[in-house]
């Protein structure tokens, strides 16, 4: 779907594909995907199997692919025949030839699944003049409150491992991006379409798109 001038697809769960105006293909947390466009960039938020899926990365990688991820994924990715693997941590900022990246924290406040000390992440991408935020696996954390001028947010809604639909809706109502897309459901891991629909029903004055 064309959203803010970008071709955006949600495969399932938290798996997102973005094709930029310059035809660069970006994947975030590829999982349970079919063969498709080969990746110029692959972003991986953390090492859990439903986010750092080696089988899925192999389907979309090419020699020119750059993988951007956290140190906990390094051993899984060792020997991948790609152009490079860039390790990041919360707070990092850098530019590729095609977009800017801000690395932000993603963690649980009252659960043990995604501890803050792991330094797992979400990603803010500034592409073609638009600001895109993939929150990764996270609760609503204090660091999110300072985010402004977001065009598109991919936000988890499943609960249990992450924020739930009500918490996600509260966040979106506070941040007021142009578009919000619910993720982290529908792959048989946790969460269902009902969570996405509940989230949409609770969001006010923001365009919610269920992909």
N, C-alpha and C. Protein backbone atom coordinates (compact mmCIF):
# COMPACT_ATOMS: atom_id res chain seq x y z
N UNK A 1 0.84 -1.20 0.00
CA UNK A 1 0.00 0.00 0.00
C UNK A 1 0.88 1.25 0.00
N UNK A 2 0.49 2.22 -0.79
CA UNK A 2 1.23 3.48 -0.82
C UNK A 2 0.79 4.34 0.36
N UNK A 3 1.72 4.59 1.27
CA UNK A 3 1.47 5.41 2.45
C UNK A 3 2.56 6.46 2.52
N UNK A 4 2.18 7.70 2.44
CA UNK A 4 3.14 8.81 2.51
C UNK A 4 4.23 8.69 1.44
N UNK A 5 3.83 8.18 0.27
CA UNK A 5 4.77 8.08 -0.84
C UNK A 5 5.68 6.87 -0.79
N UNK A 6 5.49 6.00 0.21
CA UNK A 6 6.29 4.78 0.35
C UNK A 6 5.41 3.56 0.13
N UNK A 7 5.94 2.54 -0.51
CA UNK A 7 5.22 1.29 -0.71
C UNK A 7 5.45 0.41 0.51
N UNK A 8 4.43 0.28 1.36
CA UNK A 8 4.57 -0.40 2.65
C UNK A 8 3.71 -1.66 2.66
N UNK A 9 4.32 -2.77 3.07
CA UNK A 9 3.63 -4.05 3.21
C UNK A 9 3.91 -4.62 4.59
N UNK A 10 2.86 -5.11 5.26
CA UNK A 10 3.07 -5.94 6.45
C UNK A 10 2.85 -7.37 6.06
N UNK A 11 3.88 -8.20 6.24
CA UNK A 11 3.72 -9.61 5.90
C UNK A 11 2.87 -10.31 6.95
N UNK A 12 3.39 -10.43 8.13
CA UNK A 12 2.66 -10.94 9.30
C UNK A 12 3.46 -10.56 10.52
N UNK A 13 2.85 -10.68 11.67
CA UNK A 13 3.55 -10.39 12.93
C UNK A 13 4.13 -8.98 12.89
N UNK A 14 5.44 -8.81 13.08
CA UNK A 14 6.07 -7.49 13.04
C UNK A 14 6.87 -7.27 11.76
N UNK A 15 6.67 -8.12 10.78
CA UNK A 15 7.46 -8.13 9.56
C UNK A 15 6.95 -7.08 8.57
N UNK A 16 7.81 -6.11 8.26
CA UNK A 16 7.45 -4.98 7.42
C UNK A 16 8.41 -4.90 6.23
N UNK A 17 7.86 -4.57 5.06
CA UNK A 17 8.68 -4.27 3.88
C UNK A 17 8.34 -2.86 3.41
N UNK A 18 9.37 -2.09 3.16
CA UNK A 18 9.21 -0.72 2.66
C UNK A 18 10.02 -0.59 1.37
N UNK A 19 9.39 -0.11 0.32
CA UNK A 19 10.10 0.22 -0.91
C UNK A 19 10.06 1.74 -1.06
N UNK A 20 11.23 2.34 -1.14
CA UNK A 20 11.34 3.79 -1.18
C UNK A 20 11.07 4.31 -2.59
N UNK A 21 11.00 5.62 -2.69
CA UNK A 21 10.78 6.24 -4.00
C UNK A 21 11.92 5.95 -4.96
N UNK A 22 13.13 5.73 -4.41
CA UNK A 22 14.29 5.39 -5.25
C UNK A 22 14.44 3.89 -5.46
N UNK A 23 13.38 3.13 -5.08
CA UNK A 23 13.31 1.68 -5.30
C UNK A 23 14.31 0.90 -4.44
N UNK A 24 14.67 1.43 -3.30
CA UNK A 24 15.44 0.66 -2.32
C UNK A 24 14.47 -0.16 -1.48
N UNK A 25 14.81 -1.41 -1.25
CA UNK A 25 13.92 -2.32 -0.51
C UNK A 25 14.46 -2.54 0.89
N UNK A 26 13.61 -2.23 1.87
CA UNK A 26 13.96 -2.33 3.28
C UNK A 26 13.02 -3.35 3.94
N UNK A 27 13.58 -4.25 4.70
CA UNK A 27 12.78 -5.15 5.53
C UNK A 27 13.09 -4.88 7.00
N UNK A 28 12.07 -4.98 7.82
CA UNK A 28 12.23 -4.90 9.27
C UNK A 28 11.66 -6.18 9.86
N UNK A 29 12.48 -6.90 10.63
CA UNK A 29 12.07 -8.15 11.30
C UNK A 29 11.36 -9.12 10.36
N UNK A 30 11.99 -9.50 9.24
CA UNK A 30 11.33 -10.42 8.31
C UNK A 30 11.02 -11.76 8.97
N UNK A 31 9.77 -12.22 8.80
CA UNK A 31 9.32 -13.45 9.47
C UNK A 31 8.17 -14.04 8.68
N UNK A 32 8.24 -15.35 8.44
CA UNK A 32 7.21 -16.09 7.71
C UNK A 32 6.89 -15.42 6.37
N UNK A 33 7.92 -15.03 5.65
CA UNK A 33 7.70 -14.36 4.37
C UNK A 33 7.85 -15.34 3.22
N UNK A 34 7.29 -14.95 2.10
CA UNK A 34 7.48 -15.69 0.86
C UNK A 34 8.69 -15.09 0.14
N UNK A 35 9.16 -15.79 -0.86
CA UNK A 35 10.22 -15.20 -1.68
C UNK A 35 9.70 -13.87 -2.25
N UNK A 36 10.54 -12.85 -2.25
CA UNK A 36 10.10 -11.56 -2.74
C UNK A 36 11.28 -10.73 -3.18
N UNK A 37 11.07 -9.42 -3.23
CA UNK A 37 12.16 -8.53 -3.60
C UNK A 37 13.35 -8.73 -2.67
N UNK A 38 14.53 -8.76 -3.24
CA UNK A 38 15.73 -8.89 -2.42
C UNK A 38 15.97 -7.58 -1.66
N UNK A 39 16.55 -7.71 -0.49
CA UNK A 39 16.68 -6.57 0.41
C UNK A 39 17.95 -5.78 0.14
N UNK A 40 17.80 -4.46 0.13
CA UNK A 40 18.97 -3.60 0.20
C UNK A 40 19.40 -3.43 1.66
N UNK A 41 18.41 -3.36 2.53
CA UNK A 41 18.67 -3.22 3.97
C UNK A 41 17.71 -4.13 4.74
N UNK A 42 18.24 -4.79 5.78
CA UNK A 42 17.41 -5.56 6.69
C UNK A 42 17.68 -5.05 8.10
N UNK A 43 16.61 -4.62 8.78
CA UNK A 43 16.71 -4.17 10.16
C UNK A 43 16.13 -5.26 11.07
N UNK A 44 16.84 -5.58 12.13
CA UNK A 44 16.39 -6.60 13.08
C UNK A 44 16.42 -5.98 14.48
N UNK A 45 15.27 -5.99 15.15
CA UNK A 45 15.15 -5.29 16.42
C UNK A 45 15.74 -6.03 17.61
N UNK A 46 15.70 -7.38 17.56
CA UNK A 46 16.26 -8.16 18.67
C UNK A 46 16.34 -9.63 18.27
N UNK A 47 16.89 -10.45 19.15
CA UNK A 47 17.31 -11.79 18.75
C UNK A 47 16.23 -12.86 18.83
N UNK A 48 15.04 -12.59 19.29
CA UNK A 48 14.00 -13.61 19.37
C UNK A 48 13.68 -14.17 17.98
N UNK A 49 13.32 -15.44 17.92
CA UNK A 49 13.21 -16.16 16.65
C UNK A 49 12.19 -15.55 15.70
N UNK A 50 11.17 -14.88 16.26
CA UNK A 50 10.13 -14.31 15.42
C UNK A 50 10.49 -12.90 14.93
N UNK A 51 11.72 -12.50 15.18
CA UNK A 51 12.22 -11.21 14.70
C UNK A 51 13.56 -11.38 13.98
N UNK A 52 14.42 -12.20 14.55
CA UNK A 52 15.69 -12.54 13.90
C UNK A 52 15.57 -13.97 13.37
N UNK A 53 14.96 -14.09 12.21
CA UNK A 53 14.68 -15.40 11.61
C UNK A 53 15.66 -15.64 10.46
N UNK A 54 16.61 -16.51 10.70
CA UNK A 54 17.65 -16.75 9.70
C UNK A 54 17.05 -17.31 8.41
N UNK A 55 16.09 -18.20 8.53
CA UNK A 55 15.46 -18.78 7.33
C UNK A 55 14.85 -17.69 6.45
N UNK A 56 14.22 -16.71 7.07
CA UNK A 56 13.59 -15.64 6.30
C UNK A 56 14.62 -14.67 5.75
N UNK A 57 15.66 -14.39 6.52
CA UNK A 57 16.72 -13.51 6.02
C UNK A 57 17.35 -14.11 4.77
N UNK A 58 17.55 -15.42 4.76
CA UNK A 58 18.16 -16.07 3.60
C UNK A 58 17.29 -15.93 2.35
N UNK A 59 15.99 -15.84 2.52
CA UNK A 59 15.09 -15.71 1.36
C UNK A 59 15.26 -14.37 0.66
N UNK A 60 15.67 -13.36 1.38
CA UNK A 60 15.64 -12.01 0.81
C UNK A 60 17.01 -11.35 0.70
N UNK A 61 18.05 -12.00 1.19
CA UNK A 61 19.36 -11.35 1.18
C UNK A 61 20.01 -11.51 -0.20
N UNK A 62 20.95 -10.61 -0.47
CA UNK A 62 21.80 -10.68 -1.65
C UNK A 62 23.18 -10.19 -1.23
N UNK A 63 24.13 -10.26 -2.11
CA UNK A 63 25.49 -9.89 -1.74
C UNK A 63 25.60 -8.43 -1.32
N UNK A 64 24.70 -7.57 -1.82
CA UNK A 64 24.77 -6.14 -1.53
C UNK A 64 23.95 -5.76 -0.30
N UNK A 65 23.30 -6.72 0.35
CA UNK A 65 22.45 -6.42 1.49
C UNK A 65 23.27 -5.96 2.70
N UNK A 66 22.76 -4.95 3.39
CA UNK A 66 23.32 -4.52 4.66
C UNK A 66 22.31 -4.87 5.76
N UNK A 67 22.76 -5.57 6.79
CA UNK A 67 21.93 -5.93 7.93
C UNK A 67 22.29 -5.02 9.10
N UNK A 68 21.28 -4.43 9.70
CA UNK A 68 21.47 -3.51 10.83
C UNK A 68 20.73 -4.09 12.02
N UNK A 69 21.48 -4.39 13.09
CA UNK A 69 20.87 -5.11 14.20
C UNK A 69 21.68 -4.91 15.48
N UNK A 70 21.24 -5.58 16.54
CA UNK A 70 21.88 -5.47 17.85
C UNK A 70 22.92 -6.57 18.03
N UNK A 71 23.89 -6.39 18.94
CA UNK A 71 24.94 -7.39 19.13
C UNK A 71 24.43 -8.79 19.45
N UNK A 72 23.27 -8.91 20.12
CA UNK A 72 22.76 -10.23 20.47
C UNK A 72 22.45 -11.09 19.25
N UNK A 73 22.29 -10.49 18.09
CA UNK A 73 22.01 -11.24 16.86
C UNK A 73 23.27 -11.64 16.11
N UNK A 74 24.41 -11.16 16.55
CA UNK A 74 25.64 -11.32 15.75
C UNK A 74 26.00 -12.78 15.53
N UNK A 75 25.89 -13.60 16.55
CA UNK A 75 26.28 -15.01 16.39
C UNK A 75 25.36 -15.73 15.42
N UNK A 76 24.07 -15.40 15.42
CA UNK A 76 23.13 -16.02 14.48
C UNK A 76 23.45 -15.66 13.04
N UNK A 77 23.99 -14.47 12.85
CA UNK A 77 24.22 -13.96 11.50
C UNK A 77 25.63 -14.22 10.99
N UNK A 78 26.46 -14.84 11.82
CA UNK A 78 27.86 -15.07 11.43
C UNK A 78 27.93 -15.86 10.13
N UNK A 79 28.76 -15.39 9.22
CA UNK A 79 28.97 -16.08 7.96
C UNK A 79 27.96 -15.77 6.88
N UNK A 80 27.01 -14.88 7.16
CA UNK A 80 26.04 -14.51 6.13
C UNK A 80 26.76 -13.83 4.96
N UNK A 81 26.52 -14.27 3.74
CA UNK A 81 27.20 -13.69 2.58
C UNK A 81 26.54 -12.38 2.14
N UNK A 82 26.67 -11.35 2.97
CA UNK A 82 26.08 -10.05 2.68
C UNK A 82 27.18 -8.99 2.69
N UNK A 83 26.81 -7.80 2.27
CA UNK A 83 27.79 -6.71 2.19
C UNK A 83 28.32 -6.33 3.56
N UNK A 84 27.45 -6.32 4.57
CA UNK A 84 27.90 -5.93 5.89
C UNK A 84 26.84 -6.14 6.94
N UNK A 85 27.29 -6.25 8.18
CA UNK A 85 26.40 -6.33 9.34
C UNK A 85 26.81 -5.19 10.28
N UNK A 86 25.91 -4.26 10.48
CA UNK A 86 26.18 -3.10 11.33
C UNK A 86 25.48 -3.29 12.66
N UNK A 87 26.24 -3.26 13.74
CA UNK A 87 25.69 -3.44 15.08
C UNK A 87 25.38 -2.08 15.69
N UNK A 88 24.23 -2.02 16.34
CA UNK A 88 23.76 -0.75 16.88
C UNK A 88 23.26 -0.93 18.30
N UNK A 89 23.08 0.20 18.98
CA UNK A 89 22.53 0.22 20.33
C UNK A 89 21.61 1.44 20.45
N UNK A 90 20.75 1.47 21.46
CA UNK A 90 19.88 2.64 21.64
C UNK A 90 20.69 3.93 21.72
N UNK A 91 20.20 4.94 21.03
CA UNK A 91 20.88 6.23 21.01
C UNK A 91 21.74 6.47 19.80
N UNK A 92 22.05 5.42 19.05
CA UNK A 92 22.88 5.59 17.84
C UNK A 92 22.10 6.37 16.78
N UNK A 93 22.83 7.17 16.02
CA UNK A 93 22.29 7.90 14.88
C UNK A 93 23.31 7.83 13.75
N UNK A 94 22.84 7.55 12.55
CA UNK A 94 23.75 7.49 11.42
C UNK A 94 22.95 7.62 10.12
N UNK A 95 23.67 7.80 9.04
CA UNK A 95 23.04 7.92 7.72
C UNK A 95 23.58 6.84 6.80
N UNK A 96 22.73 6.30 5.97
CA UNK A 96 23.12 5.48 4.84
C UNK A 96 23.08 6.39 3.62
N UNK A 97 23.49 5.92 2.46
CA UNK A 97 23.35 6.76 1.27
C UNK A 97 21.90 7.08 0.90
N UNK A 98 20.94 6.41 1.55
CA UNK A 98 19.56 6.52 1.11
C UNK A 98 18.59 7.03 2.17
N UNK A 99 18.97 7.04 3.45
CA UNK A 99 18.08 7.51 4.50
C UNK A 99 18.87 7.67 5.80
N UNK A 100 18.22 8.29 6.79
CA UNK A 100 18.81 8.46 8.12
C UNK A 100 18.18 7.46 9.07
N UNK A 101 18.95 7.06 10.08
CA UNK A 101 18.50 6.08 11.06
C UNK A 101 18.73 6.62 12.47
N UNK A 102 17.72 6.52 13.31
CA UNK A 102 17.86 6.78 14.74
C UNK A 102 17.45 5.49 15.46
N UNK A 103 18.32 5.02 16.32
CA UNK A 103 18.08 3.77 17.04
C UNK A 103 17.51 4.12 18.42
N UNK A 104 16.36 3.57 18.74
CA UNK A 104 15.68 3.92 19.99
C UNK A 104 15.48 2.66 20.83
N UNK A 105 15.37 2.80 22.15
CA UNK A 105 15.21 1.62 23.00
C UNK A 105 13.84 0.97 22.84
N UNK A 106 13.80 -0.32 23.13
CA UNK A 106 12.55 -1.09 23.16
C UNK A 106 12.69 -2.09 24.30
N UNK A 107 11.78 -2.02 25.27
CA UNK A 107 11.91 -2.92 26.42
C UNK A 107 10.58 -3.00 27.18
N UNK A 108 10.52 -3.96 28.10
CA UNK A 108 9.35 -4.13 28.95
C UNK A 108 9.53 -3.38 30.27
N UNK A 109 8.42 -2.89 30.78
CA UNK A 109 8.42 -2.23 32.09
C UNK A 109 8.05 -3.19 33.21
N UNK A 110 7.11 -4.08 32.96
CA UNK A 110 6.58 -4.94 34.02
C UNK A 110 6.54 -6.41 33.60
N UNK A 111 7.42 -6.75 32.65
CA UNK A 111 7.54 -8.12 32.17
C UNK A 111 9.02 -8.43 32.03
N UNK A 112 9.34 -9.70 31.91
CA UNK A 112 10.76 -10.08 31.86
C UNK A 112 11.23 -10.46 30.46
N UNK A 113 10.37 -10.36 29.45
CA UNK A 113 10.70 -10.89 28.12
C UNK A 113 11.73 -10.03 27.38
N UNK A 114 11.67 -8.73 27.58
CA UNK A 114 12.55 -7.81 26.85
C UNK A 114 13.13 -6.83 27.88
N UNK A 115 14.16 -7.26 28.54
CA UNK A 115 14.75 -6.45 29.61
C UNK A 115 15.52 -5.26 29.04
N UNK A 116 15.46 -4.15 29.73
CA UNK A 116 16.13 -2.94 29.26
C UNK A 116 17.63 -3.16 29.09
N UNK A 117 18.23 -3.95 29.97
CA UNK A 117 19.68 -4.15 29.91
C UNK A 117 20.14 -4.91 28.66
N UNK A 118 19.21 -5.58 27.97
CA UNK A 118 19.59 -6.24 26.71
C UNK A 118 19.93 -5.23 25.62
N UNK A 119 19.44 -4.02 25.77
CA UNK A 119 19.65 -2.96 24.77
C UNK A 119 19.10 -3.34 23.39
N UNK A 120 17.90 -3.94 23.41
CA UNK A 120 17.19 -4.20 22.17
C UNK A 120 16.51 -2.92 21.71
N UNK A 121 16.04 -2.88 20.47
CA UNK A 121 15.76 -1.58 19.88
C UNK A 121 14.50 -1.54 19.02
N UNK A 122 14.11 -0.31 18.74
CA UNK A 122 13.23 0.03 17.64
C UNK A 122 14.01 0.94 16.71
N UNK A 123 13.43 1.26 15.57
CA UNK A 123 14.14 2.08 14.59
C UNK A 123 13.26 3.22 14.10
N UNK A 124 13.85 4.40 14.02
CA UNK A 124 13.24 5.53 13.33
C UNK A 124 14.03 5.73 12.04
N UNK A 125 13.32 5.70 10.92
CA UNK A 125 13.94 5.89 9.60
C UNK A 125 13.38 7.16 8.99
N UNK A 126 14.26 8.02 8.54
CA UNK A 126 13.85 9.23 7.83
C UNK A 126 14.14 9.01 6.35
N UNK A 127 13.05 8.74 5.61
CA UNK A 127 13.15 8.32 4.22
C UNK A 127 12.32 9.25 3.35
N UNK A 128 12.91 9.75 2.30
CA UNK A 128 12.17 10.57 1.33
C UNK A 128 11.36 11.67 2.02
N UNK A 129 11.94 12.28 3.04
CA UNK A 129 11.27 13.37 3.74
C UNK A 129 10.21 12.93 4.73
N UNK A 130 10.07 11.63 4.96
CA UNK A 130 9.08 11.10 5.91
C UNK A 130 9.79 10.41 7.07
N UNK A 131 9.15 10.43 8.24
CA UNK A 131 9.71 9.80 9.42
C UNK A 131 8.88 8.59 9.81
N UNK A 132 9.51 7.42 9.79
CA UNK A 132 8.86 6.13 10.01
C UNK A 132 9.42 5.52 11.29
N UNK A 133 8.57 5.03 12.17
CA UNK A 133 9.01 4.47 13.45
C UNK A 133 8.48 3.05 13.61
N UNK A 134 9.39 2.10 13.74
CA UNK A 134 9.03 0.71 14.08
C UNK A 134 9.42 0.51 15.54
N UNK A 135 8.45 0.27 16.39
CA UNK A 135 8.69 0.27 17.84
C UNK A 135 9.35 -0.99 18.36
N UNK A 136 9.47 -2.04 17.53
CA UNK A 136 10.03 -3.29 18.05
C UNK A 136 9.12 -3.90 19.09
N UNK A 137 9.67 -4.79 19.92
CA UNK A 137 8.90 -5.41 20.99
C UNK A 137 9.08 -4.57 22.25
N UNK A 138 8.06 -3.82 22.60
CA UNK A 138 8.20 -2.87 23.69
C UNK A 138 6.88 -2.63 24.37
N UNK A 139 6.96 -2.24 25.64
CA UNK A 139 5.85 -1.60 26.31
C UNK A 139 5.86 -0.12 25.94
N UNK A 140 4.91 0.63 26.46
CA UNK A 140 4.95 2.09 26.32
C UNK A 140 5.97 2.61 27.33
N UNK A 141 7.11 3.03 26.83
CA UNK A 141 8.23 3.41 27.69
C UNK A 141 8.40 4.93 27.66
N UNK A 142 9.03 5.50 28.70
CA UNK A 142 9.15 6.96 28.78
C UNK A 142 9.81 7.58 27.56
N UNK A 143 10.76 6.89 26.95
CA UNK A 143 11.49 7.45 25.81
C UNK A 143 10.58 7.75 24.62
N UNK A 144 9.46 7.06 24.54
CA UNK A 144 8.54 7.28 23.42
C UNK A 144 7.84 8.63 23.50
N UNK A 145 7.70 9.17 24.70
CA UNK A 145 6.92 10.39 24.89
C UNK A 145 7.55 11.60 24.21
N UNK A 146 8.85 11.52 23.90
CA UNK A 146 9.53 12.66 23.30
C UNK A 146 9.55 12.61 21.77
N UNK A 147 8.96 11.59 21.19
CA UNK A 147 8.97 11.46 19.73
C UNK A 147 7.94 12.41 19.11
N UNK A 148 8.37 13.12 18.08
CA UNK A 148 7.49 14.12 17.46
C UNK A 148 7.57 14.01 15.94
N UNK A 149 6.58 14.57 15.29
CA UNK A 149 6.55 14.70 13.83
C UNK A 149 6.74 13.35 13.12
N UNK A 150 6.03 12.34 13.60
CA UNK A 150 6.10 11.02 13.00
C UNK A 150 5.03 10.88 11.92
N UNK A 151 5.43 10.39 10.77
CA UNK A 151 4.47 10.15 9.70
C UNK A 151 3.78 8.80 9.84
N UNK A 152 4.56 7.76 10.14
CA UNK A 152 4.01 6.41 10.25
C UNK A 152 4.63 5.71 11.46
N UNK A 153 3.78 5.09 12.28
CA UNK A 153 4.26 4.26 13.40
C UNK A 153 3.76 2.84 13.20
N UNK A 154 4.67 1.88 13.32
CA UNK A 154 4.33 0.46 13.44
C UNK A 154 4.40 0.13 14.92
N UNK A 155 3.26 -0.22 15.51
CA UNK A 155 3.19 -0.36 16.97
C UNK A 155 2.63 -1.73 17.34
N UNK A 156 3.28 -2.45 18.28
CA UNK A 156 2.75 -3.75 18.69
C UNK A 156 1.47 -3.60 19.50
N UNK A 157 0.55 -4.55 19.33
CA UNK A 157 -0.76 -4.44 19.98
C UNK A 157 -1.18 -5.73 20.68
N UNK A 158 -0.34 -6.76 20.67
CA UNK A 158 -0.79 -8.09 21.08
C UNK A 158 -0.87 -8.29 22.58
N UNK A 159 -0.16 -7.48 23.36
CA UNK A 159 -0.08 -7.76 24.79
C UNK A 159 0.83 -8.94 25.08
N UNK A 160 0.87 -9.37 26.29
CA UNK A 160 1.68 -10.47 26.82
C UNK A 160 3.18 -10.17 26.73
N UNK A 161 3.74 -10.14 25.54
CA UNK A 161 5.17 -9.82 25.38
C UNK A 161 5.41 -8.32 25.19
N UNK A 162 4.37 -7.59 24.83
CA UNK A 162 4.50 -6.16 24.49
C UNK A 162 3.32 -5.39 25.07
N UNK A 163 3.24 -4.12 24.75
CA UNK A 163 2.03 -3.36 25.07
C UNK A 163 0.82 -4.02 24.43
N UNK A 164 -0.34 -3.81 25.04
CA UNK A 164 -1.56 -4.36 24.46
C UNK A 164 -2.28 -3.29 23.62
N UNK A 165 -3.44 -3.64 23.10
CA UNK A 165 -4.15 -2.75 22.19
C UNK A 165 -4.52 -1.43 22.86
N UNK A 166 -4.99 -1.50 24.11
CA UNK A 166 -5.39 -0.28 24.82
C UNK A 166 -4.18 0.61 25.09
N UNK A 167 -3.09 0.00 25.51
CA UNK A 167 -1.88 0.77 25.79
C UNK A 167 -1.32 1.40 24.51
N UNK A 168 -1.35 0.63 23.43
CA UNK A 168 -0.86 1.14 22.15
C UNK A 168 -1.72 2.31 21.67
N UNK A 169 -3.03 2.18 21.83
CA UNK A 169 -3.93 3.26 21.42
C UNK A 169 -3.68 4.52 22.23
N UNK A 170 -3.45 4.37 23.52
CA UNK A 170 -3.14 5.52 24.37
C UNK A 170 -1.87 6.22 23.88
N UNK A 171 -0.86 5.43 23.50
CA UNK A 171 0.37 6.00 22.98
C UNK A 171 0.12 6.78 21.69
N UNK A 172 -0.62 6.19 20.78
CA UNK A 172 -0.89 6.84 19.50
C UNK A 172 -1.71 8.11 19.69
N UNK A 173 -2.67 8.07 20.59
CA UNK A 173 -3.47 9.26 20.86
C UNK A 173 -2.62 10.39 21.44
N UNK A 174 -1.54 10.03 22.11
CA UNK A 174 -0.62 11.02 22.66
C UNK A 174 0.33 11.56 21.58
N UNK A 175 0.92 10.66 20.79
CA UNK A 175 1.92 11.06 19.80
C UNK A 175 1.30 11.69 18.55
N UNK A 176 0.13 11.23 18.18
CA UNK A 176 -0.60 11.74 17.02
C UNK A 176 0.24 11.74 15.73
N UNK A 177 0.70 10.59 15.31
CA UNK A 177 1.33 10.50 13.98
C UNK A 177 0.27 10.64 12.91
N UNK A 178 0.69 10.71 11.66
CA UNK A 178 -0.29 10.75 10.58
C UNK A 178 -0.96 9.39 10.39
N UNK A 179 -0.16 8.32 10.49
CA UNK A 179 -0.67 6.97 10.29
C UNK A 179 -0.14 6.05 11.38
N UNK A 180 -0.96 5.11 11.81
CA UNK A 180 -0.54 4.08 12.76
C UNK A 180 -0.91 2.72 12.18
N UNK A 181 0.03 1.79 12.23
CA UNK A 181 -0.18 0.45 11.70
C UNK A 181 0.10 -0.56 12.80
N UNK A 182 -0.89 -1.33 13.24
CA UNK A 182 -0.67 -2.31 14.30
C UNK A 182 0.15 -3.50 13.80
N UNK A 183 1.03 -3.99 14.67
CA UNK A 183 1.89 -5.14 14.35
C UNK A 183 1.92 -6.09 15.55
N UNK A 184 2.69 -7.16 15.40
CA UNK A 184 2.90 -8.18 16.44
C UNK A 184 1.62 -8.97 16.72
N UNK A 185 1.04 -9.48 15.65
CA UNK A 185 -0.13 -10.35 15.76
C UNK A 185 -0.25 -11.13 14.46
N UNK A 186 -1.01 -12.22 14.50
CA UNK A 186 -1.41 -12.90 13.28
C UNK A 186 -0.48 -13.96 12.75
N UNK A 187 0.59 -14.29 13.50
CA UNK A 187 1.55 -15.29 13.02
C UNK A 187 1.50 -16.58 13.82
N UNK A 188 0.54 -16.69 14.72
CA UNK A 188 0.46 -17.88 15.57
C UNK A 188 1.38 -17.83 16.77
N UNK A 189 2.04 -16.70 16.98
CA UNK A 189 2.91 -16.54 18.15
C UNK A 189 2.12 -15.95 19.30
N UNK A 190 1.54 -14.81 19.07
CA UNK A 190 0.68 -14.14 20.05
C UNK A 190 -0.10 -13.07 19.30
N UNK A 191 -1.31 -12.80 19.74
CA UNK A 191 -2.08 -11.73 19.14
C UNK A 191 -2.88 -12.17 17.92
N UNK A 192 -4.03 -11.52 17.73
CA UNK A 192 -4.92 -11.84 16.62
C UNK A 192 -5.42 -10.55 15.96
N UNK A 193 -6.15 -10.72 14.89
CA UNK A 193 -6.76 -9.58 14.22
C UNK A 193 -7.66 -8.80 15.17
N UNK A 194 -8.26 -9.48 16.12
CA UNK A 194 -9.11 -8.79 17.10
C UNK A 194 -8.33 -7.71 17.84
N UNK A 195 -7.06 -7.98 18.17
CA UNK A 195 -6.24 -6.98 18.86
C UNK A 195 -6.05 -5.74 17.98
N UNK A 196 -5.79 -5.97 16.70
CA UNK A 196 -5.62 -4.85 15.78
C UNK A 196 -6.91 -4.05 15.65
N UNK A 197 -8.04 -4.73 15.58
CA UNK A 197 -9.31 -4.05 15.45
C UNK A 197 -9.67 -3.28 16.72
N UNK A 198 -9.37 -3.87 17.88
CA UNK A 198 -9.60 -3.15 19.13
C UNK A 198 -8.75 -1.88 19.18
N UNK A 199 -7.50 -2.01 18.81
CA UNK A 199 -6.60 -0.86 18.76
C UNK A 199 -7.20 0.24 17.88
N UNK A 200 -7.63 -0.12 16.69
CA UNK A 200 -8.18 0.86 15.76
C UNK A 200 -9.40 1.56 16.35
N UNK A 201 -10.22 0.81 17.05
CA UNK A 201 -11.45 1.39 17.61
C UNK A 201 -11.16 2.41 18.72
N UNK A 202 -9.99 2.32 19.33
CA UNK A 202 -9.65 3.18 20.45
C UNK A 202 -8.82 4.39 20.07
N UNK A 203 -8.32 4.41 18.84
CA UNK A 203 -7.49 5.53 18.38
C UNK A 203 -8.40 6.64 17.85
N UNK A 204 -8.06 7.86 18.21
CA UNK A 204 -8.86 9.02 17.82
C UNK A 204 -8.01 9.97 16.95
N UNK A 205 -8.58 10.40 15.85
CA UNK A 205 -7.98 11.45 15.01
C UNK A 205 -6.63 11.10 14.42
N UNK A 206 -6.38 9.80 14.25
CA UNK A 206 -5.18 9.32 13.56
C UNK A 206 -5.63 8.24 12.58
N UNK A 207 -5.06 8.24 11.39
CA UNK A 207 -5.40 7.21 10.41
C UNK A 207 -4.76 5.89 10.81
N UNK A 208 -5.58 4.91 11.13
CA UNK A 208 -5.11 3.56 11.46
C UNK A 208 -5.35 2.66 10.26
N UNK A 209 -4.30 1.99 9.83
CA UNK A 209 -4.39 1.08 8.70
C UNK A 209 -4.02 -0.31 9.16
N UNK A 210 -4.93 -1.24 9.01
CA UNK A 210 -4.66 -2.64 9.34
C UNK A 210 -4.21 -3.34 8.06
N UNK A 211 -2.95 -3.75 8.02
CA UNK A 211 -2.39 -4.41 6.84
C UNK A 211 -2.36 -5.92 7.04
